[in-house]
Each structure stands twice: as structure tokens, then as C-alpha cells.
Amino acid sequence: MNKSTIIIIIVAVLVGFGYFFVKGGSSSSGSALLQAGPAAAADGRAALILTLLNQVNTITIDANFFSSPVYQTLRDRSVPIPDQGVGRPNPFAPVR
């Protein structure tokens, strides 16, 4: 074997180890959605979105809260923010 063949083999082994460590090895403790493939993952995401949408749709707001004495005693204590000067039209243009 010559030097270039040995270097190619070493580089291939290092790339293989790098790939193994980036992918996380052969661990089977991952999520079922990730292991099942893209179609199952899309179905799982769609089911999750539908579940969240159903939870949001069940939220009800009691409008009587806005007429309660506790709500009526609240006061707006916000501070108005004055208008600020606008910056340069093109911030990447050279400064003159």
C-alpha cells in the first residue's frame, strides 16, 4: 500500500465516525414520529395541530367579567412613548 491509499482510508474512517456521531449512533430511544418516516411525521403533526385547535375552540370568555366592579376599578397607567427621529434611509451606505 502506498501513502495516498492509507490517507484515503483514514479520511473515509474519520468521515464514517463523524457521520455516526452526528446521527446519534444506533440508539432506538428516539421519537416514534422521527423513526416512522416523513408521512407518519406529517400525520402526527396534523393530529397535534387539530388537537390544539380543538383546545382553542373550547375556550370561553365570560363577558360579565367586563362589567364587574373589579374590572371597572382598573386604570390605564401607560406612559406615551414620544416619536423618535428616523434613522438614515440606507443604513449600509457609507457615512459622509
PDB file of N, CA and C in Angstrom:
ATOM      1  N   MET A   1       0.847  -1.192   0.000  1.00  0.00           N
ATOM      2  CA  MET A   1       0.000   0.000   0.000  1.00  0.00           C
ATOM      3  C   MET A   1       0.881   1.240   0.000  1.00  0.00           C
ATOM      4  N   ASN A   2       0.415   2.196  -0.781  1.00  0.00           N
ATOM      5  CA  ASN A   2       1.185   3.434  -0.798  1.00  0.00           C
ATOM      6  C   ASN A   2       0.547   4.468   0.137  1.00  0.00           C
ATOM      7  N   LYS A   3       1.203   5.603   0.274  1.00  0.00           N
ATOM      8  CA  LYS A   3       0.759   6.636   1.226  1.00  0.00           C
ATOM      9  C   LYS A   3      -0.620   7.187   0.901  1.00  0.00           C
ATOM     10  N   SER A   4      -0.916   7.426  -0.357  1.00  0.00           N
ATOM     11  CA  SER A   4      -2.204   8.029  -0.721  1.00  0.00           C
ATOM     12  C   SER A   4      -3.370   7.092  -0.408  1.00  0.00           C
ATOM     13  N   THR A   5      -3.190   5.796  -0.557  1.00  0.00           N
ATOM     14  CA  THR A   5      -4.251   4.840  -0.232  1.00  0.00           C
ATOM     15  C   THR A   5      -4.522   4.837   1.266  1.00  0.00           C
ATOM     16  N   ILE A   6      -3.489   4.882   2.060  1.00  0.00           N
ATOM     17  CA  ILE A   6      -3.642   4.903   3.514  1.00  0.00           C
ATOM     18  C   ILE A   6      -4.355   6.183   3.949  1.00  0.00           C
ATOM     19  N   ILE A   7      -3.992   7.310   3.347  1.00  0.00           N
ATOM     20  CA  ILE A   7      -4.636   8.585   3.687  1.00  0.00           C
ATOM     21  C   ILE A   7      -6.114   8.554   3.322  1.00  0.00           C
ATOM     22  N   ILE A   8      -6.436   7.984   2.163  1.00  0.00           N
ATOM     23  CA  ILE A   8      -7.843   7.888   1.741  1.00  0.00           C
ATOM     24  C   ILE A   8      -8.632   7.008   2.712  1.00  0.00           C
ATOM     25  N   ILE A   9      -8.047   5.895   3.150  1.00  0.00           N
ATOM     26  CA  ILE A   9      -8.727   5.004   4.105  1.00  0.00           C
ATOM     27  C   ILE A   9      -8.941   5.708   5.437  1.00  0.00           C
ATOM     28  N   ILE A  10      -7.944   6.436   5.914  1.00  0.00           N
ATOM     29  CA  ILE A  10      -8.069   7.155   7.186  1.00  0.00           C
ATOM     30  C   ILE A  10      -9.153   8.227   7.094  1.00  0.00           C
ATOM     31  N   VAL A  11      -9.172   8.973   5.984  1.00  0.00           N
ATOM     32  CA  VAL A  11     -10.193  10.010   5.795  1.00  0.00           C
ATOM     33  C   VAL A  11     -11.583   9.375   5.743  1.00  0.00           C
ATOM     34  N   ALA A  12     -11.728   8.240   5.065  1.00  0.00           N
ATOM     35  CA  ALA A  12     -13.030   7.565   4.977  1.00  0.00           C
ATOM     36  C   ALA A  12     -13.499   7.099   6.351  1.00  0.00           C
ATOM     37  N   VAL A  13     -12.553   6.569   7.151  1.00  0.00           N
ATOM     38  CA  VAL A  13     -12.921   6.120   8.503  1.00  0.00           C
ATOM     39  C   VAL A  13     -13.333   7.313   9.353  1.00  0.00           C
ATOM     40  N   LEU A  14     -12.603   8.427   9.252  1.00  0.00           N
ATOM     41  CA  LEU A  14     -12.958   9.622  10.027  1.00  0.00           C
ATOM     42  C   LEU A  14     -14.318  10.169   9.601  1.00  0.00           C
ATOM     43  N   VAL A  15     -14.601  10.176   8.309  1.00  0.00           N
ATOM     44  CA  VAL A  15     -15.913  10.635   7.830  1.00  0.00           C
ATOM     45  C   VAL A  15     -17.006   9.705   8.348  1.00  0.00           C
ATOM     46  N   GLY A  16     -16.738   8.404   8.354  1.00  0.00           N
ATOM     47  CA  GLY A  16     -17.710   7.449   8.880  1.00  0.00           C
ATOM     48  C   GLY A  16     -17.995   7.680  10.357  1.00  0.00           C
ATOM     49  N   PHE A  17     -16.939   7.880  11.149  1.00  0.00           N
ATOM     50  CA  PHE A  17     -17.134   8.171  12.574  1.00  0.00           C
ATOM     51  C   PHE A  17     -17.881   9.489  12.771  1.00  0.00           C
ATOM     52  N   GLY A  18     -17.534  10.501  11.976  1.00  0.00           N
ATOM     53  CA  GLY A  18     -18.238  11.779  12.078  1.00  0.00           C
ATOM     54  C   GLY A  18     -19.714  11.633  11.781  1.00  0.00           C
ATOM     55  N   TYR A  19     -20.045  10.882  10.748  1.00  0.00           N
ATOM     56  CA  TYR A  19     -21.446  10.651  10.404  1.00  0.00           C
ATOM     57  C   TYR A  19     -22.158   9.899  11.526  1.00  0.00           C
ATOM     58  N   PHE A  20     -21.486   8.896  12.086  1.00  0.00           N
ATOM     59  CA  PHE A  20     -22.062   8.103  13.170  1.00  0.00           C
ATOM     60  C   PHE A  20     -22.376   8.975  14.384  1.00  0.00           C
ATOM     61  N   PHE A  21     -21.463   9.875  14.752  1.00  0.00           N
ATOM     62  CA  PHE A  21     -21.678  10.725  15.913  1.00  0.00           C
ATOM     63  C   PHE A  21     -22.703  11.814  15.651  1.00  0.00           C
ATOM     64  N   VAL A  22     -22.770  12.346  14.436  1.00  0.00           N
ATOM     65  CA  VAL A  22     -23.752  13.373  14.112  1.00  0.00           C
ATOM     66  C   VAL A  22     -25.156  12.791  14.110  1.00  0.00           C
ATOM     67  N   LYS A  23     -25.306  11.594  13.578  1.00  0.00           N
ATOM     68  CA  LYS A  23     -26.620  10.965  13.520  1.00  0.00           C
ATOM     69  C   LYS A  23     -27.039  10.402  14.879  1.00  0.00           C
ATOM     70  N   GLY A  24     -26.157  10.304  15.817  1.00  0.00           N
ATOM     71  CA  GLY A  24     -26.511   9.854  17.156  1.00  0.00           C
ATOM     72  C   GLY A  24     -26.356   8.365  17.349  1.00  0.00           C
ATOM     73  N   GLY A  25     -25.657   7.688  16.503  1.00  0.00           N
ATOM     74  CA  GLY A  25     -25.426   6.274  16.666  1.00  0.00           C
ATOM     75  C   GLY A  25     -26.652   5.461  16.311  1.00  0.00           C
ATOM     76  N   SER A  26     -26.739   4.271  16.897  1.00  0.00           N
ATOM     77  CA  SER A  26     -27.838   3.368  16.587  1.00  0.00           C
ATOM     78  C   SER A  26     -28.865   3.342  17.713  1.00  0.00           C
ATOM     79  N   SER A  27     -29.012   4.424  18.426  1.00  0.00           N
ATOM     80  CA  SER A  27     -29.945   4.500  19.537  1.00  0.00           C
ATOM     81  C   SER A  27     -31.370   4.374  19.034  1.00  0.00           C
ATOM     82  N   SER A  28     -32.168   3.549  19.695  1.00  0.00           N
ATOM     83  CA  SER A  28     -33.562   3.372  19.299  1.00  0.00           C
ATOM     84  C   SER A  28     -34.511   4.051  20.270  1.00  0.00           C
ATOM     85  N   SER A  29     -33.997   5.021  21.061  1.00  0.00           N
ATOM     86  CA  SER A  29     -34.831   5.689  22.043  1.00  0.00           C
ATOM     87  C   SER A  29     -35.481   6.947  21.493  1.00  0.00           C
ATOM     88  N   GLY A  30     -35.404   7.182  20.175  1.00  0.00           N
ATOM     89  CA  GLY A  30     -35.956   8.387  19.576  1.00  0.00           C
ATOM     90  C   GLY A  30     -37.461   8.350  19.513  1.00  0.00           C
ATOM     91  N   SER A  31     -38.021   9.449  19.084  1.00  0.00           N
ATOM     92  CA  SER A  31     -39.464   9.577  18.968  1.00  0.00           C
ATOM     93  C   SER A  31     -39.994   8.680  17.871  1.00  0.00           C
ATOM     94  N   ALA A  32     -41.189   8.169  18.039  1.00  0.00           N
ATOM     95  CA  ALA A  32     -41.811   7.319  17.030  1.00  0.00           C
ATOM     96  C   ALA A  32     -42.091   8.105  15.761  1.00  0.00           C
ATOM     97  N   LEU A  33     -42.385   9.377  15.890  1.00  0.00           N
ATOM     98  CA  LEU A  33     -42.635  10.198  14.713  1.00  0.00           C
ATOM     99  C   LEU A  33     -41.381  10.336  13.874  1.00  0.00           C
ATOM    100  N   LEU A  34     -40.227  10.452  14.526  1.00  0.00           N
ATOM    101  CA  LEU A  34     -38.983  10.610  13.791  1.00  0.00           C
ATOM    102  C   LEU A  34     -38.552   9.302  13.141  1.00  0.00           C
ATOM    103  N   GLN A  35     -38.876   8.171  13.741  1.00  0.00           N
ATOM    104  CA  GLN A  35     -38.457   6.889  13.212  1.00  0.00           C
ATOM    105  C   GLN A  35     -39.407   6.364  12.145  1.00  0.00           C
ATOM    106  N   ALA A  36     -40.647   6.813  12.143  1.00  0.00           N
ATOM    107  CA  ALA A  36     -41.630   6.252  11.237  1.00  0.00           C
ATOM    108  C   ALA A  36     -41.522   6.806   9.836  1.00  0.00           C
ATOM    109  N   GLY A  37     -40.887   7.932   9.645  1.00  0.00           N
ATOM    110  CA  GLY A  37     -40.725   8.484   8.315  1.00  0.00           C
ATOM    111  C   GLY A  37     -41.492   9.776   8.149  1.00  0.00           C
ATOM    112  N   PRO A  38     -41.307  10.428   6.994  1.00  0.00           N
ATOM    113  CA  PRO A  38     -41.919  11.736   6.774  1.00  0.00           C
ATOM    114  C   PRO A  38     -43.446  11.701   6.739  1.00  0.00           C
ATOM    115  N   ALA A  39     -44.037  10.671   6.167  1.00  0.00           N
ATOM    116  CA  ALA A  39     -45.504  10.625   6.072  1.00  0.00           C
ATOM    117  C   ALA A  39     -46.131  10.507   7.458  1.00  0.00           C
ATOM    118  N   ALA A  40     -45.567   9.640   8.292  1.00  0.00           N
ATOM    119  CA  ALA A  40     -46.105   9.484   9.641  1.00  0.00           C
ATOM    120  C   ALA A  40     -45.864  10.738  10.470  1.00  0.00           C
ATOM    121  N   ALA A  41     -44.726  11.384  10.248  1.00  0.00           N
ATOM    122  CA  ALA A  41     -44.437  12.617  10.984  1.00  0.00           C
ATOM    123  C   ALA A  41     -45.431  13.702  10.591  1.00  0.00           C
ATOM    124  N   ALA A  42     -45.773  13.775   9.312  1.00  0.00           N
ATOM    125  CA  ALA A  42     -46.744  14.771   8.864  1.00  0.00           C
ATOM    126  C   ALA A  42     -48.120  14.467   9.459  1.00  0.00           C
ATOM    127  N   ASP A  43     -48.484  13.192   9.516  1.00  0.00           N
ATOM    128  CA  ASP A  43     -49.763  12.824  10.121  1.00  0.00           C
ATOM    129  C   ASP A  43     -49.777  13.160  11.609  1.00  0.00           C
ATOM    130  N   GLY A  44     -48.659  12.934  12.277  1.00  0.00           N
ATOM    131  CA  GLY A  44     -48.564  13.254  13.700  1.00  0.00           C
ATOM    132  C   GLY A  44     -48.664  14.748  13.943  1.00  0.00           C
ATOM    133  N   ARG A  45     -48.030  15.542  13.084  1.00  0.00           N
ATOM    134  CA  ARG A  45     -48.111  16.989  13.221  1.00  0.00           C
ATOM    135  C   ARG A  45     -49.519  17.486  12.950  1.00  0.00           C
ATOM    136  N   ALA A  46     -50.174  16.889  11.967  1.00  0.00           N
ATOM    137  CA  ALA A  46     -51.551  17.287  11.655  1.00  0.00           C
ATOM    138  C   ALA A  46     -52.473  16.953  12.819  1.00  0.00           C
ATOM    139  N   ALA A  47     -52.270  15.797  13.426  1.00  0.00           N
ATOM    140  CA  ALA A  47     -53.089  15.416  14.573  1.00  0.00           C
ATOM    141  C   ALA A  47     -52.844  16.361  15.748  1.00  0.00           C
ATOM    142  N   LEU A  48     -51.587  16.752  15.951  1.00  0.00           N
ATOM    143  CA  LEU A  48     -51.262  17.679  17.032  1.00  0.00           C
ATOM    144  C   LEU A  48     -51.907  19.037  16.782  1.00  0.00           C
ATOM    145  N   ILE A  49     -51.865  19.504  15.545  1.00  0.00           N
ATOM    146  CA  ILE A  49     -52.480  20.792  15.216  1.00  0.00           C
ATOM    147  C   ILE A  49     -53.982  20.735  15.434  1.00  0.00           C
ATOM    148  N   LEU A  50     -54.624  19.638  15.037  1.00  0.00           N
ATOM    149  CA  LEU A  50     -56.065  19.506  15.249  1.00  0.00           C
ATOM    150  C   LEU A  50     -56.415  19.450  16.730  1.00  0.00           C
ATOM    151  N   THR A  51     -55.585  18.778  17.518  1.00  0.00           N
ATOM    152  CA  THR A  51     -55.819  18.723  18.960  1.00  0.00           C
ATOM    153  C   THR A  51     -55.716  20.110  19.575  1.00  0.00           C
ATOM    154  N   LEU A  52     -54.689  20.853  19.194  1.00  0.00           N
ATOM    155  CA  LEU A  52     -54.527  22.209  19.720  1.00  0.00           C
ATOM    156  C   LEU A  52     -55.667  23.116  19.270  1.00  0.00           C
ATOM    157  N   LEU A  53     -56.098  22.962  18.028  1.00  0.00           N
ATOM    158  CA  LEU A  53     -57.211  23.765  17.525  1.00  0.00           C
ATOM    159  C   LEU A  53     -58.490  23.465  18.290  1.00  0.00           C
ATOM    160  N   ASN A  54     -58.728  22.214  18.596  1.00  0.00           N
ATOM    161  CA  ASN A  54     -59.917  21.855  19.385  1.00  0.00           C
ATOM    162  C   ASN A  54     -59.832  22.425  20.793  1.00  0.00           C
ATOM    163  N   GLN A  55     -58.639  22.461  21.373  1.00  0.00           N
ATOM    164  CA  GLN A  55     -58.481  23.043  22.701  1.00  0.00           C
ATOM    165  C   GLN A  55     -58.749  24.542  22.666  1.00  0.00           C
ATOM    166  N   VAL A  56     -58.295  25.214  21.612  1.00  0.00           N
ATOM    167  CA  VAL A  56     -58.518  26.654  21.499  1.00  0.00           C
ATOM    168  C   VAL A  56     -60.002  26.934  21.281  1.00  0.00           C
ATOM    169  N   ASN A  57     -60.673  26.097  20.521  1.00  0.00           N
ATOM    170  CA  ASN A  57     -62.093  26.310  20.246  1.00  0.00           C
ATOM    171  C   ASN A  57     -62.963  26.129  21.488  1.00  0.00           C
ATOM    172  N   THR A  58     -62.476  25.413  22.489  1.00  0.00           N
ATOM    173  CA  THR A  58     -63.274  25.200  23.698  1.00  0.00           C
ATOM    174  C   THR A  58     -63.115  26.326  24.711  1.00  0.00           C
ATOM    175  N   ILE A  59     -62.256  27.301  24.438  1.00  0.00           N
ATOM    176  CA  ILE A  59     -62.065  28.427  25.357  1.00  0.00           C
ATOM    177  C   ILE A  59     -63.287  29.333  25.284  1.00  0.00           C
ATOM    178  N   THR A  60     -63.822  29.667  26.450  1.00  0.00           N
ATOM    179  CA  THR A  60     -64.955  30.587  26.505  1.00  0.00           C
ATOM    180  C   THR A  60     -64.591  31.774  27.389  1.00  0.00           C
ATOM    181  N   ILE A  61     -65.097  32.937  27.027  1.00  0.00           N
ATOM    182  CA  ILE A  61     -64.846  34.154  27.801  1.00  0.00           C
ATOM    183  C   ILE A  61     -66.175  34.621  28.369  1.00  0.00           C
ATOM    184  N   ASP A  62     -66.201  34.810  29.677  1.00  0.00           N
ATOM    185  CA  ASP A  62     -67.405  35.289  30.333  1.00  0.00           C
ATOM    186  C   ASP A  62     -67.436  36.814  30.196  1.00  0.00           C
ATOM    187  N   ALA A  63     -68.369  37.334  29.410  1.00  0.00           N
ATOM    188  CA  ALA A  63     -68.457  38.775  29.163  1.00  0.00           C
ATOM    189  C   ALA A  63     -68.878  39.544  30.408  1.00  0.00           C
ATOM    190  N   ASN A  64     -69.427  38.879  31.410  1.00  0.00           N
ATOM    191  CA  ASN A  64     -69.812  39.552  32.649  1.00  0.00           C
ATOM    192  C   ASN A  64     -68.590  40.076  33.401  1.00  0.00           C
ATOM    193  N   PHE A  65     -67.428  39.531  33.112  1.00  0.00           N
ATOM    194  CA  PHE A  65     -66.204  39.979  33.768  1.00  0.00           C
ATOM    195  C   PHE A  65     -65.968  41.465  33.498  1.00  0.00           C
ATOM    196  N   PHE A  66     -66.271  41.930  32.292  1.00  0.00           N
ATOM    197  CA  PHE A  66     -66.009  43.319  31.937  1.00  0.00           C
ATOM    198  C   PHE A  66     -66.942  44.305  32.631  1.00  0.00           C
ATOM    199  N   SER A  67     -68.046  43.826  33.153  1.00  0.00           N
ATOM    200  CA  SER A  67     -68.956  44.705  33.892  1.00  0.00           C
ATOM    201  C   SER A  67     -68.789  44.556  35.406  1.00  0.00           C
ATOM    202  N   SER A  68     -67.847  43.735  35.849  1.00  0.00           N
ATOM    203  CA  SER A  68     -67.647  43.533  37.285  1.00  0.00           C
ATOM    204  C   SER A  68     -66.955  44.749  37.896  1.00  0.00           C
ATOM    205  N   PRO A  69     -67.170  45.001  39.185  1.00  0.00           N
ATOM    206  CA  PRO A  69     -66.534  46.141  39.859  1.00  0.00           C
ATOM    207  C   PRO A  69     -65.008  46.056  39.861  1.00  0.00           C
ATOM    208  N   VAL A  70     -64.476  44.858  39.918  1.00  0.00           N
ATOM    209  CA  VAL A  70     -63.014  44.705  39.925  1.00  0.00           C
ATOM    210  C   VAL A  70     -62.440  45.206  38.606  1.00  0.00           C
ATOM    211  N   TYR A  71     -63.055  44.838  37.503  1.00  0.00           N
ATOM    212  CA  TYR A  71     -62.577  45.301  36.209  1.00  0.00           C
ATOM    213  C   TYR A  71     -62.782  46.806  36.047  1.00  0.00           C
ATOM    214  N   GLN A  72     -63.880  47.305  36.566  1.00  0.00           N
ATOM    215  CA  GLN A  72     -64.185  48.727  36.424  1.00  0.00           C
ATOM    216  C   GLN A  72     -63.204  49.602  37.205  1.00  0.00           C
ATOM    217  N   THR A  73     -62.582  49.076  38.270  1.00  0.00           N
ATOM    218  CA  THR A  73     -61.644  49.876  39.061  1.00  0.00           C
ATOM    219  C   THR A  73     -60.253  49.939  38.440  1.00  0.00           C
ATOM    220  N   LEU A  74     -59.993  49.138  37.398  1.00  0.00           N
ATOM    221  CA  LEU A  74     -58.687  49.175  36.746  1.00  0.00           C
ATOM    222  C   LEU A  74     -58.503  50.502  36.016  1.00  0.00           C
ATOM    223  N   ARG A  75     -57.293  51.046  36.078  1.00  0.00           N
ATOM    224  CA  ARG A  75     -56.982  52.316  35.430  1.00  0.00           C
ATOM    225  C   ARG A  75     -55.800  52.128  34.487  1.00  0.00           C
ATOM    226  N   ASP A  76     -55.840  52.842  33.407  1.00  0.00           N
ATOM    227  CA  ASP A  76     -54.750  52.794  32.436  1.00  0.00           C
ATOM    228  C   ASP A  76     -53.628  53.705  32.911  1.00  0.00           C
ATOM    229  N   ARG A  77     -52.493  53.137  33.217  1.00  0.00           N
ATOM    230  CA  ARG A  77     -51.348  53.904  33.693  1.00  0.00           C
ATOM    231  C   ARG A  77     -50.194  53.829  32.694  1.00  0.00           C
ATOM    232  N   SER A  78     -50.521  53.648  31.433  1.00  0.00           N
ATOM    233  CA  SER A  78     -49.463  53.558  30.433  1.00  0.00           C
ATOM    234  C   SER A  78     -48.859  54.935  30.180  1.00  0.00           C
ATOM    235  N   VAL A  79     -47.606  54.933  29.795  1.00  0.00           N
ATOM    236  CA  VAL A  79     -46.871  56.162  29.519  1.00  0.00           C
ATOM    237  C   VAL A  79     -46.732  56.282  28.008  1.00  0.00           C
ATOM    238  N   PRO A  80     -47.144  57.412  27.443  1.00  0.00           N
ATOM    239  CA  PRO A  80     -46.999  57.553  25.992  1.00  0.00           C
ATOM    240  C   PRO A  80     -45.527  57.630  25.589  1.00  0.00           C
ATOM    241  N   ILE A  81     -45.195  56.985  24.512  1.00  0.00           N
ATOM    242  CA  ILE A  81     -43.824  56.984  24.015  1.00  0.00           C
ATOM    243  C   ILE A  81     -43.723  58.057  22.938  1.00  0.00           C
ATOM    244  N   PRO A  82     -42.827  59.034  23.128  1.00  0.00           N
ATOM    245  CA  PRO A  82     -42.722  60.104  22.123  1.00  0.00           C
ATOM    246  C   PRO A  82     -42.130  59.564  20.820  1.00  0.00           C
ATOM    247  N   ASP A  83     -42.498  60.222  19.718  1.00  0.00           N
ATOM    248  CA  ASP A  83     -41.957  59.830  18.428  1.00  0.00           C
ATOM    249  C   ASP A  83     -40.460  60.087  18.401  1.00  0.00           C
ATOM    250  N   GLN A  84     -39.743  59.154  17.817  1.00  0.00           N
ATOM    251  CA  GLN A  84     -38.290  59.262  17.712  1.00  0.00           C
ATOM    252  C   GLN A  84     -37.920  59.650  16.283  1.00  0.00           C
ATOM    253  N   GLY A  85     -36.791  60.273  16.135  1.00  0.00           N
ATOM    254  CA  GLY A  85     -36.311  60.630  14.811  1.00  0.00           C
ATOM    255  C   GLY A  85     -36.008  59.375  14.002  1.00  0.00           C
ATOM    256  N   VAL A  86     -36.235  59.464  12.717  1.00  0.00           N
ATOM    257  CA  VAL A  86     -35.992  58.332  11.836  1.00  0.00           C
ATOM    258  C   VAL A  86     -34.508  58.287  11.515  1.00  0.00           C
ATOM    259  N   GLY A  87     -33.970  57.100  11.402  1.00  0.00           N
ATOM    260  CA  GLY A  87     -32.554  56.930  11.101  1.00  0.00           C
ATOM    261  C   GLY A  87     -32.246  57.221   9.650  1.00  0.00           C
ATOM    262  N   ARG A  88     -31.098  56.792   9.220  1.00  0.00           N
ATOM    263  CA  ARG A  88     -30.666  57.024   7.843  1.00  0.00           C
ATOM    264  C   ARG A  88     -31.527  56.217   6.875  1.00  0.00           C
ATOM    265  N   PRO A  89     -31.764  56.734   5.675  1.00  0.00           N
ATOM    266  CA  PRO A  89     -32.564  55.993   4.703  1.00  0.00           C
ATOM    267  C   PRO A  89     -31.932  54.648   4.332  1.00  0.00           C
ATOM    268  N   ASN A  90     -30.622  54.624   4.208  1.00  0.00           N
ATOM    269  CA  ASN A  90     -29.910  53.396   3.907  1.00  0.00           C
ATOM    270  C   ASN A  90     -28.806  53.222   4.941  1.00  0.00           C
ATOM    271  N   PRO A  91     -29.010  52.357   5.927  1.00  0.00           N
ATOM    272  CA  PRO A  91     -28.009  52.221   6.983  1.00  0.00           C
ATOM    273  C   PRO A  91     -26.694  51.612   6.501  1.00  0.00           C
ATOM    274  N   PHE A  92     -26.689  51.015   5.305  1.00  0.00           N
ATOM    275  CA  PHE A  92     -25.473  50.407   4.802  1.00  0.00           C
ATOM    276  C   PHE A  92     -24.673  51.335   3.906  1.00  0.00           C
ATOM    277  N   ALA A  93     -25.199  52.509   3.627  1.00  0.00           N
ATOM    278  CA  ALA A  93     -24.485  53.484   2.807  1.00  0.00           C
ATOM    279  C   ALA A  93     -23.305  54.039   3.597  1.00  0.00           C
ATOM    280  N   PRO A  94     -22.229  54.412   2.917  1.00  0.00           N
ATOM    281  CA  PRO A  94     -21.082  54.975   3.652  1.00  0.00           C
ATOM    282  C   PRO A  94     -21.438  56.300   4.312  1.00  0.00           C
ATOM    283  N   VAL A  95     -20.836  56.550   5.454  1.00  0.00           N
ATOM    284  CA  VAL A  95     -21.096  57.791   6.195  1.00  0.00           C
ATOM    285  C   VAL A  95     -20.333  58.914   5.509  1.00  0.00           C
ATOM    286  N   ARG A  96     -20.992  60.049   5.303  1.00  0.00           N
ATOM    287  CA  ARG A  96     -20.337  61.170   4.625  1.00  0.00           C
ATOM    288  C   ARG A  96     -19.714  62.119   5.603  1.00  0.00           C
TER     289      ARG A  96
END
